[in-house]
Amino acid sequence: MNKYDFLTAVGIIVGVGLVLMGIIVQDGELGAFMDPAGMMITLGGTFGATLVSFRQGEIKTVVQVTKNVFFQKEQSIIDLHDRFTDLAQKARREGLLVLEDELDEIEDPFFRNGLQMVIDGFEPDNIRSILNAELTSMEARHEQGQKLFSTMGTFSPAFGMIGTLIGLIMMLAELDDPDAIGPGMSVALLTTFYGVFLANLVFIPISNKLALHSEEESRMKEIIIEALLALQSGINPRLLKEQIKSYFSPQEKKLLEEAQKRAEEEEEDDLVDV
């Protein structure tokens, strides 16, 4: 299940809004900051250079990569903790084969594939090797998406400067008309504004957000690998719980304690009702 990351959209909207408000507060005319030709030079040059820098297959993934900025796979480490605790208790009582009934309830293909290998009796080293290879492949795909946007963040200011140079050259050609120098300089500088604005509010932040999403997904998969191998070894469920908790941040530990406290209170209420 994907979770909408509203902060990304809010950040872009707030950034654009505050820049526009800053222009208005200084009695600037928004129309003076609109230059279709400058925007074409900045965006066209950026996308053109990006096409040269990457292969066709990598460019095709840009839509999916962009979607990942706004939608993140919803993975709760607390749910993962509870799931493995339940699996460990069942395996300890009835053996690993009983866990085959749980496979259909696991949505994550990585988790499901790993659990299937545990049930099938694969050697621990083989399980670790296969899952680590899959994790490495995922990280490489994510890194490619990050690199694509960071590259665009590098190109856009450069092409903004190129647009400025074009504008200056055209302005110098009109030096015999002093009245055209001021407006010409203004238009020339707009392309630099566009390039820096897009790089620092869109392209580079998107690359950073993709990196954060990738780090979180990698952490979850690393936990799954270690927990699966511990499950295969017949670990005590209580010990497995503590092992998974060692990956928790202080905030996540607090959330887990609150969830456990609510569960205990609900259980006490059920006993009272009985």
C-alpha atoms as a PDB file:
ATOM      1  CA  MET A   1       0.000   0.000   0.000  1.00  0.00           C
ATOM      2  CA  ASN A   2       1.341   3.432  -0.980  1.00  0.00           C
ATOM      3  CA  LYS A   3       1.158   6.398   1.363  1.00  0.00           C
ATOM      4  CA  TYR A   4       0.853   9.918  -0.033  1.00  0.00           C
ATOM      5  CA  ASP A   5       3.746  12.116   1.056  1.00  0.00           C
ATOM      6  CA  PHE A   6       1.918  15.441   1.280  1.00  0.00           C
ATOM      7  CA  LEU A   7       5.001  17.300   2.564  1.00  0.00           C
ATOM      8  CA  THR A   8       6.598  17.155  -0.882  1.00  0.00           C
ATOM      9  CA  ALA A   9       3.660  18.901  -2.544  1.00  0.00           C
ATOM     10  CA  VAL A  10       3.270  21.326   0.377  1.00  0.00           C
ATOM     11  CA  GLY A  11       6.970  22.213   0.235  1.00  0.00           C
ATOM     12  CA  ILE A  12       6.877  23.035  -3.476  1.00  0.00           C
ATOM     13  CA  ILE A  13       3.634  25.006  -3.150  1.00  0.00           C
ATOM     14  CA  VAL A  14       4.888  26.944  -0.126  1.00  0.00           C
ATOM     15  CA  GLY A  15       8.222  27.645  -1.820  1.00  0.00           C
ATOM     16  CA  VAL A  16       6.592  28.975  -4.995  1.00  0.00           C
ATOM     17  CA  GLY A  17       3.994  30.908  -2.995  1.00  0.00           C
ATOM     18  CA  LEU A  18       6.506  32.666  -0.744  1.00  0.00           C
ATOM     19  CA  VAL A  19       8.701  33.645  -3.703  1.00  0.00           C
ATOM     20  CA  LEU A  20       5.674  35.143  -5.456  1.00  0.00           C
ATOM     21  CA  MET A  21       4.632  36.937  -2.261  1.00  0.00           C
ATOM     22  CA  GLY A  22       8.160  38.299  -1.888  1.00  0.00           C
ATOM     23  CA  ILE A  23       7.954  39.743  -5.397  1.00  0.00           C
ATOM     24  CA  ILE A  24       4.559  41.303  -4.690  1.00  0.00           C
ATOM     25  CA  VAL A  25       5.634  42.734  -1.315  1.00  0.00           C
ATOM     26  CA  GLN A  26       8.491  44.545  -3.050  1.00  0.00           C
ATOM     27  CA  ASP A  27       5.974  46.082  -5.455  1.00  0.00           C
ATOM     28  CA  GLY A  28       7.187  43.901  -8.273  1.00  0.00           C
ATOM     29  CA  GLU A  29       5.033  42.994 -11.217  1.00  0.00           C
ATOM     30  CA  LEU A  30       4.622  39.251 -11.672  1.00  0.00           C
ATOM     31  CA  GLY A  31       4.360  39.762 -15.406  1.00  0.00           C
ATOM     32  CA  ALA A  32       7.934  41.076 -15.426  1.00  0.00           C
ATOM     33  CA  PHE A  33       9.106  37.641 -14.272  1.00  0.00           C
ATOM     34  CA  MET A  34       7.415  35.798 -17.109  1.00  0.00           C
ATOM     35  CA  ASP A  35       9.607  35.110 -20.106  1.00  0.00           C
ATOM     36  CA  PRO A  36       8.574  32.103 -22.218  1.00  0.00           C
ATOM     37  CA  ALA A  37      11.765  32.204 -24.262  1.00  0.00           C
ATOM     38  CA  GLY A  38      13.941  32.131 -21.141  1.00  0.00           C
ATOM     39  CA  MET A  39      11.926  29.254 -19.714  1.00  0.00           C
ATOM     40  CA  MET A  40      12.298  27.335 -22.970  1.00  0.00           C
ATOM     41  CA  ILE A  41      16.070  27.820 -22.944  1.00  0.00           C
ATOM     42  CA  THR A  42      16.403  26.727 -19.299  1.00  0.00           C
ATOM     43  CA  LEU A  43      14.044  23.746 -19.390  1.00  0.00           C
ATOM     44  CA  GLY A  44      14.875  22.716 -22.945  1.00  0.00           C
ATOM     45  CA  GLY A  45      18.605  22.772 -22.308  1.00  0.00           C
ATOM     46  CA  THR A  46      18.213  20.912 -18.999  1.00  0.00           C
ATOM     47  CA  PHE A  47      16.101  18.127 -20.455  1.00  0.00           C
ATOM     48  CA  GLY A  48      18.261  17.905 -23.564  1.00  0.00           C
ATOM     49  CA  ALA A  49      21.441  17.515 -21.534  1.00  0.00           C
ATOM     50  CA  THR A  50      19.688  14.934 -19.357  1.00  0.00           C
ATOM     51  CA  LEU A  51      18.751  12.910 -22.430  1.00  0.00           C
ATOM     52  CA  VAL A  52      22.396  12.936 -23.491  1.00  0.00           C
ATOM     53  CA  SER A  53      23.573  11.882 -20.016  1.00  0.00           C
ATOM     54  CA  PHE A  54      21.290   8.865 -19.540  1.00  0.00           C
ATOM     55  CA  ARG A  55      20.183   5.844 -21.522  1.00  0.00           C
ATOM     56  CA  GLN A  56      16.694   5.390 -22.930  1.00  0.00           C
ATOM     57  CA  GLY A  57      15.646   2.833 -20.320  1.00  0.00           C
ATOM     58  CA  GLU A  58      16.738   5.114 -17.496  1.00  0.00           C
ATOM     59  CA  ILE A  59      14.837   8.079 -18.938  1.00  0.00           C
ATOM     60  CA  LYS A  60      11.674   5.967 -19.225  1.00  0.00           C
ATOM     61  CA  THR A  61      11.713   5.385 -15.476  1.00  0.00           C
ATOM     62  CA  VAL A  62      11.452   9.107 -14.728  1.00  0.00           C
ATOM     63  CA  VAL A  63       7.643   8.941 -14.470  1.00  0.00           C
ATOM     64  CA  GLN A  64       7.768   6.089 -11.955  1.00  0.00           C
ATOM     65  CA  VAL A  65      10.619   7.761 -10.095  1.00  0.00           C
ATOM     66  CA  THR A  66       8.670  11.019  -9.876  1.00  0.00           C
ATOM     67  CA  LYS A  67       5.654   9.094  -8.570  1.00  0.00           C
ATOM     68  CA  ASN A  68       7.839   7.669  -5.794  1.00  0.00           C
ATOM     69  CA  VAL A  69       8.501  11.225  -4.593  1.00  0.00           C
ATOM     70  CA  PHE A  70       4.840  11.759  -3.798  1.00  0.00           C
ATOM     71  CA  PHE A  71       3.870   8.189  -2.911  1.00  0.00           C
ATOM     72  CA  GLN A  72       5.901   6.035  -0.540  1.00  0.00           C
ATOM     73  CA  LYS A  73       5.331   2.386   0.286  1.00  0.00           C
ATOM     74  CA  GLU A  74       3.686   2.337   3.686  1.00  0.00           C
ATOM     75  CA  GLN A  75       5.851   0.067   5.811  1.00  0.00           C
ATOM     76  CA  SER A  76       5.409   0.179   9.558  1.00  0.00           C
ATOM     77  CA  ILE A  77       8.314  -1.168  11.552  1.00  0.00           C
ATOM     78  CA  ILE A  78       5.893  -1.751  14.430  1.00  0.00           C
ATOM     79  CA  ASP A  79       3.672  -3.910  12.209  1.00  0.00           C
ATOM     80  CA  LEU A  80       6.791  -5.762  11.072  1.00  0.00           C
ATOM     81  CA  HIS A  81       7.766  -6.310  14.717  1.00  0.00           C
ATOM     82  CA  ASP A  82       4.328  -7.729  15.546  1.00  0.00           C
ATOM     83  CA  ARG A  83       4.250  -9.888  12.396  1.00  0.00           C
ATOM     84  CA  PHE A  84       7.585 -11.547  13.139  1.00  0.00           C
ATOM     85  CA  THR A  85       6.656 -12.052  16.780  1.00  0.00           C
ATOM     86  CA  ASP A  86       3.518 -13.889  15.671  1.00  0.00           C
ATOM     87  CA  LEU A  87       5.462 -15.954  13.115  1.00  0.00           C
ATOM     88  CA  ALA A  88       8.091 -16.907  15.691  1.00  0.00           C
ATOM     89  CA  GLN A  89       5.441 -18.050  18.167  1.00  0.00           C
ATOM     90  CA  LYS A  90       3.697 -20.220  15.552  1.00  0.00           C
ATOM     91  CA  ALA A  91       6.970 -21.685  14.300  1.00  0.00           C
ATOM     92  CA  ARG A  92       8.067 -22.512  17.844  1.00  0.00           C
ATOM     93  CA  ARG A  93       4.788 -24.318  18.574  1.00  0.00           C
ATOM     94  CA  GLU A  94       4.162 -26.121  15.276  1.00  0.00           C
ATOM     95  CA  GLY A  95       7.308 -25.859  13.155  1.00  0.00           C
ATOM     96  CA  LEU A  96       8.323 -23.748  10.155  1.00  0.00           C
ATOM     97  CA  LEU A  97       6.035 -25.553   7.699  1.00  0.00           C
ATOM     98  CA  VAL A  98       2.963 -24.080   9.381  1.00  0.00           C
ATOM     99  CA  LEU A  99       4.110 -20.632   8.229  1.00  0.00           C
ATOM    100  CA  GLU A 100       3.170 -21.509   4.657  1.00  0.00           C
ATOM    101  CA  ASP A 101      -0.401 -20.540   5.532  1.00  0.00           C
ATOM    102  CA  GLU A 102       0.849 -17.015   6.279  1.00  0.00           C
ATOM    103  CA  LEU A 103       2.374 -16.356   2.841  1.00  0.00           C
ATOM    104  CA  ASP A 104      -0.838 -15.128   1.214  1.00  0.00           C
ATOM    105  CA  GLU A 105      -1.237 -12.470   3.907  1.00  0.00           C
ATOM    106  CA  ILE A 106       2.183 -10.904   3.212  1.00  0.00           C
ATOM    107  CA  GLU A 107       1.996  -8.162   0.570  1.00  0.00           C
ATOM    108  CA  ASP A 108       5.704  -7.349   0.374  1.00  0.00           C
ATOM    109  CA  PRO A 109       7.250  -9.618  -2.339  1.00  0.00           C
ATOM    110  CA  PHE A 110      10.681  -9.358  -0.705  1.00  0.00           C
ATOM    111  CA  PHE A 111       9.339 -10.550   2.648  1.00  0.00           C
ATOM    112  CA  ARG A 112       7.173 -13.248   1.050  1.00  0.00           C
ATOM    113  CA  ASN A 113      10.026 -14.607  -1.064  1.00  0.00           C
ATOM    114  CA  GLY A 114      12.354 -14.703   1.926  1.00  0.00           C
ATOM    115  CA  LEU A 115       9.822 -16.499   4.107  1.00  0.00           C
ATOM    116  CA  GLN A 116       9.198 -19.030   1.317  1.00  0.00           C
ATOM    117  CA  MET A 117      12.931 -19.821   1.230  1.00  0.00           C
ATOM    118  CA  VAL A 118      12.933 -20.288   5.006  1.00  0.00           C
ATOM    119  CA  ILE A 119       9.982 -22.678   4.768  1.00  0.00           C
ATOM    120  CA  ASP A 120      11.644 -24.573   1.901  1.00  0.00           C
ATOM    121  CA  GLY A 121      14.725 -25.137   4.039  1.00  0.00           C
ATOM    122  CA  PHE A 122      17.295 -23.094   2.108  1.00  0.00           C
ATOM    123  CA  GLU A 123      20.679 -22.728   3.767  1.00  0.00           C
ATOM    124  CA  PRO A 124      20.973 -19.482   5.793  1.00  0.00           C
ATOM    125  CA  ASP A 125      23.972 -18.314   3.755  1.00  0.00           C
ATOM    126  CA  ASN A 126      22.022 -18.824   0.526  1.00  0.00           C
ATOM    127  CA  ILE A 127      19.018 -16.917   1.858  1.00  0.00           C
ATOM    128  CA  ARG A 128      21.207 -14.027   2.967  1.00  0.00           C
ATOM    129  CA  SER A 129      23.052 -13.986  -0.362  1.00  0.00           C
ATOM    130  CA  ILE A 130      19.876 -13.987  -2.469  1.00  0.00           C
ATOM    131  CA  LEU A 131      18.089 -11.338  -0.405  1.00  0.00           C
ATOM    132  CA  ASN A 132      21.172  -9.129  -0.195  1.00  0.00           C
ATOM    133  CA  ALA A 133      21.539  -9.312  -3.973  1.00  0.00           C
ATOM    134  CA  GLU A 134      17.907  -8.227  -4.352  1.00  0.00           C
ATOM    135  CA  LEU A 135      18.466  -5.419  -1.856  1.00  0.00           C
ATOM    136  CA  THR A 136      21.568  -4.238  -3.707  1.00  0.00           C
ATOM    137  CA  SER A 137      19.667  -4.261  -6.998  1.00  0.00           C
ATOM    138  CA  MET A 138      16.867  -2.174  -5.480  1.00  0.00           C
ATOM    139  CA  GLU A 139      19.334   0.352  -4.076  1.00  0.00           C
ATOM    140  CA  ALA A 140      21.013   0.654  -7.493  1.00  0.00           C
ATOM    141  CA  ARG A 141      17.651   1.399  -9.153  1.00  0.00           C
ATOM    142  CA  HIS A 142      16.841   3.990  -6.542  1.00  0.00           C
ATOM    143  CA  GLU A 143      20.272   5.567  -6.871  1.00  0.00           C
ATOM    144  CA  GLN A 144      19.741   5.934 -10.614  1.00  0.00           C
ATOM    145  CA  GLY A 145      16.543   7.891 -10.003  1.00  0.00           C
ATOM    146  CA  GLN A 146      18.278  10.112  -7.478  1.00  0.00           C
ATOM    147  CA  LYS A 147      21.151  10.690  -9.892  1.00  0.00           C
ATOM    148  CA  LEU A 148      18.761  11.685 -12.679  1.00  0.00           C
ATOM    149  CA  PHE A 149      17.215  14.499 -10.641  1.00  0.00           C
ATOM    150  CA  SER A 150      20.497  15.626  -9.090  1.00  0.00           C
ATOM    151  CA  THR A 151      21.914  15.847 -12.633  1.00  0.00           C
ATOM    152  CA  MET A 152      18.990  18.021 -13.681  1.00  0.00           C
ATOM    153  CA  GLY A 153      19.680  20.165 -10.627  1.00  0.00           C
ATOM    154  CA  THR A 154      23.238  20.620 -11.893  1.00  0.00           C
ATOM    155  CA  PHE A 155      22.253  21.426 -15.475  1.00  0.00           C
ATOM    156  CA  SER A 156      19.418  23.896 -14.880  1.00  0.00           C
ATOM    157  CA  PRO A 157      21.532  26.733 -13.338  1.00  0.00           C
ATOM    158  CA  ALA A 158      24.099  26.238 -16.101  1.00  0.00           C
ATOM    159  CA  PHE A 159      21.491  26.593 -18.840  1.00  0.00           C
ATOM    160  CA  GLY A 160      19.998  29.517 -16.958  1.00  0.00           C
ATOM    161  CA  MET A 161      23.397  31.174 -17.251  1.00  0.00           C
ATOM    162  CA  ILE A 162      23.543  30.277 -20.955  1.00  0.00           C
ATOM    163  CA  GLY A 163      20.170  31.971 -21.403  1.00  0.00           C
ATOM    164  CA  THR A 164      21.544  35.029 -19.636  1.00  0.00           C
ATOM    165  CA  LEU A 165      24.535  35.123 -21.980  1.00  0.00           C
ATOM    166  CA  ILE A 166      22.207  34.872 -24.971  1.00  0.00           C
ATOM    167  CA  GLY A 167      20.161  37.745 -23.592  1.00  0.00           C
ATOM    168  CA  LEU A 168      23.270  39.858 -22.979  1.00  0.00           C
ATOM    169  CA  ILE A 169      24.526  39.264 -26.502  1.00  0.00           C
ATOM    170  CA  MET A 170      21.191  40.334 -27.914  1.00  0.00           C
ATOM    171  CA  MET A 171      21.160  43.359 -25.598  1.00  0.00           C
ATOM    172  CA  LEU A 172      24.650  44.459 -26.661  1.00  0.00           C
ATOM    173  CA  ALA A 173      23.463  44.353 -30.249  1.00  0.00           C
ATOM    174  CA  GLU A 174      20.974  47.091 -29.303  1.00  0.00           C
ATOM    175  CA  LEU A 175      23.381  49.464 -27.556  1.00  0.00           C
ATOM    176  CA  ASP A 176      22.387  52.241 -29.913  1.00  0.00           C
ATOM    177  CA  ASP A 177      19.018  52.275 -28.100  1.00  0.00           C
ATOM    178  CA  PRO A 178      19.664  53.178 -24.387  1.00  0.00           C
ATOM    179  CA  ASP A 179      16.014  52.643 -23.510  1.00  0.00           C
ATOM    180  CA  ALA A 180      16.326  48.936 -24.386  1.00  0.00           C
ATOM    181  CA  ILE A 181      19.292  48.229 -22.115  1.00  0.00           C
ATOM    182  CA  GLY A 182      17.362  48.084 -18.830  1.00  0.00           C
ATOM    183  CA  PRO A 183      14.549  45.779 -20.018  1.00  0.00           C
ATOM    184  CA  GLY A 184      17.049  43.692 -21.947  1.00  0.00           C
ATOM    185  CA  MET A 185      19.190  43.146 -18.841  1.00  0.00           C
ATOM    186  CA  SER A 186      16.080  42.199 -16.864  1.00  0.00           C
ATOM    187  CA  VAL A 187      15.074  39.559 -19.398  1.00  0.00           C
ATOM    188  CA  ALA A 188      18.644  38.245 -19.602  1.00  0.00           C
ATOM    189  CA  LEU A 189      18.809  37.696 -15.845  1.00  0.00           C
ATOM    190  CA  LEU A 190      15.463  35.879 -15.734  1.00  0.00           C
ATOM    191  CA  THR A 191      16.921  32.688 -17.201  1.00  0.00           C
ATOM    192  CA  THR A 192      19.458  32.496 -14.371  1.00  0.00           C
ATOM    193  CA  PHE A 193      16.575  33.001 -11.948  1.00  0.00           C
ATOM    194  CA  TYR A 194      14.637  30.143 -13.571  1.00  0.00           C
ATOM    195  CA  GLY A 195      17.610  27.791 -13.496  1.00  0.00           C
ATOM    196  CA  VAL A 196      18.530  28.420  -9.859  1.00  0.00           C
ATOM    197  CA  PHE A 197      14.880  28.355  -8.776  1.00  0.00           C
ATOM    198  CA  LEU A 198      14.143  24.996 -10.433  1.00  0.00           C
ATOM    199  CA  ALA A 199      17.377  23.436  -9.211  1.00  0.00           C
ATOM    200  CA  ASN A 200      16.932  24.397  -5.563  1.00  0.00           C
ATOM    201  CA  LEU A 201      13.171  24.026  -5.183  1.00  0.00           C
ATOM    202  CA  VAL A 202      12.412  21.089  -7.491  1.00  0.00           C
ATOM    203  CA  PHE A 203      15.258  18.967  -8.849  1.00  0.00           C
ATOM    204  CA  ILE A 204      17.700  18.766  -5.912  1.00  0.00           C
ATOM    205  CA  PRO A 205      14.965  18.466  -3.210  1.00  0.00           C
ATOM    206  CA  ILE A 206      13.330  15.654  -5.205  1.00  0.00           C
ATOM    207  CA  SER A 207      16.685  13.846  -5.366  1.00  0.00           C
ATOM    208  CA  ASN A 208      17.070  14.247  -1.598  1.00  0.00           C
ATOM    209  CA  LYS A 209      13.543  12.962  -0.943  1.00  0.00           C
ATOM    210  CA  LEU A 210      14.170   9.905  -3.113  1.00  0.00           C
ATOM    211  CA  ALA A 211      17.337   9.210  -1.117  1.00  0.00           C
ATOM    212  CA  LEU A 212      15.398   9.358   2.164  1.00  0.00           C
ATOM    213  CA  HIS A 213      12.726   6.979   0.839  1.00  0.00           C
ATOM    214  CA  SER A 214      15.419   4.599  -0.389  1.00  0.00           C
ATOM    215  CA  GLU A 215      17.234   4.614   2.966  1.00  0.00           C
ATOM    216  CA  GLU A 216      14.022   3.806   4.824  1.00  0.00           C
ATOM    217  CA  GLU A 217      13.092   0.981   2.459  1.00  0.00           C
ATOM    218  CA  SER A 218      16.614  -0.450   2.698  1.00  0.00           C
ATOM    219  CA  ARG A 219      16.427  -0.373   6.495  1.00  0.00           C
ATOM    220  CA  MET A 220      13.147  -2.278   6.468  1.00  0.00           C
ATOM    221  CA  LYS A 221      14.549  -4.923   4.132  1.00  0.00           C
ATOM    222  CA  GLU A 222      17.687  -5.322   6.260  1.00  0.00           C
ATOM    223  CA  ILE A 223      15.458  -5.932   9.286  1.00  0.00           C
ATOM    224  CA  ILE A 224      13.467  -8.507   7.306  1.00  0.00           C
ATOM    225  CA  ILE A 225      16.652 -10.370   6.326  1.00  0.00           C
ATOM    226  CA  GLU A 226      17.972 -10.581   9.877  1.00  0.00           C
ATOM    227  CA  ALA A 227      14.562 -11.463  11.316  1.00  0.00           C
ATOM    228  CA  LEU A 228      13.992 -14.241   8.749  1.00  0.00           C
ATOM    229  CA  LEU A 229      17.355 -15.829   9.522  1.00  0.00           C
ATOM    230  CA  ALA A 230      16.652 -15.581  13.247  1.00  0.00           C
ATOM    231  CA  LEU A 231      13.239 -17.150  12.651  1.00  0.00           C
ATOM    232  CA  GLN A 232      14.832 -20.009  10.735  1.00  0.00           C
ATOM    233  CA  SER A 233      17.242 -20.653  13.606  1.00  0.00           C
ATOM    234  CA  GLY A 234      14.319 -21.271  15.982  1.00  0.00           C
ATOM    235  CA  ILE A 235      14.952 -18.162  18.063  1.00  0.00           C
ATOM    236  CA  ASN A 236      12.859 -17.490  21.144  1.00  0.00           C
ATOM    237  CA  PRO A 237      10.017 -15.116  20.166  1.00  0.00           C
ATOM    238  CA  ARG A 238      10.850 -12.785  23.042  1.00  0.00           C
ATOM    239  CA  LEU A 239      14.471 -12.594  21.916  1.00  0.00           C
ATOM    240  CA  LEU A 240      13.387 -11.930  18.322  1.00  0.00           C
ATOM    241  CA  LYS A 241      11.233  -9.054  19.538  1.00  0.00           C
ATOM    242  CA  GLU A 242      14.223  -7.492  21.282  1.00  0.00           C
ATOM    243  CA  GLN A 243      16.414  -8.067  18.232  1.00  0.00           C
ATOM    244  CA  ILE A 244      13.986  -6.174  15.985  1.00  0.00           C
ATOM    245  CA  LYS A 245      13.579  -3.425  18.578  1.00  0.00           C
ATOM    246  CA  SER A 246      17.312  -2.755  18.382  1.00  0.00           C
ATOM    247  CA  TYR A 247      16.636  -1.222  14.932  1.00  0.00           C
ATOM    248  CA  PHE A 248      14.009   1.155  16.324  1.00  0.00           C
ATOM    249  CA  SER A 249      14.585   4.872  16.679  1.00  0.00           C
ATOM    250  CA  PRO A 250      13.662   6.413  20.081  1.00  0.00           C
ATOM    251  CA  GLN A 251      10.421   7.726  18.563  1.00  0.00           C
ATOM    252  CA  GLU A 252       9.518   4.298  17.178  1.00  0.00           C
ATOM    253  CA  LYS A 253      10.212   2.679  20.552  1.00  0.00           C
ATOM    254  CA  LYS A 254       7.871   5.171  22.159  1.00  0.00           C
ATOM    255  CA  LEU A 255       5.156   4.406  19.591  1.00  0.00           C
ATOM    256  CA  LEU A 256       5.612   0.668  20.206  1.00  0.00           C
ATOM    257  CA  GLU A 257       5.260   1.118  23.969  1.00  0.00           C
ATOM    258  CA  GLU A 258       2.078   3.151  23.454  1.00  0.00           C
ATOM    259  CA  ALA A 259       0.654   0.510  21.103  1.00  0.00           C
ATOM    260  CA  GLN A 260       1.450  -2.271  23.577  1.00  0.00           C
ATOM    261  CA  LYS A 261      -0.106  -0.293  26.413  1.00  0.00           C
ATOM    262  CA  ARG A 262      -3.320   0.200  24.411  1.00  0.00           C
ATOM    263  CA  ALA A 263      -3.421  -3.507  23.570  1.00  0.00           C
ATOM    264  CA  GLU A 264      -3.051  -4.423  27.264  1.00  0.00           C
ATOM    265  CA  GLU A 265      -5.828  -2.008  28.245  1.00  0.00           C
ATOM    266  CA  GLU A 266      -8.148  -3.434  25.584  1.00  0.00           C
ATOM    267  CA  GLU A 267      -7.382  -6.961  26.795  1.00  0.00           C
ATOM    268  CA  GLU A 268      -8.179  -5.974  30.388  1.00  0.00           C
ATOM    269  CA  ASP A 269     -11.459  -4.403  29.256  1.00  0.00           C
ATOM    270  CA  ASP A 270     -12.407  -7.592  27.424  1.00  0.00           C
ATOM    271  CA  LEU A 271     -11.749  -9.651  30.558  1.00  0.00           C
ATOM    272  CA  VAL A 272     -13.902  -7.296  32.627  1.00  0.00           C
ATOM    273  CA  ASP A 273     -16.742  -7.578  30.114  1.00  0.00           C
ATOM    274  CA  VAL A 274     -16.558 -11.369  30.284  1.00  0.00           C
END
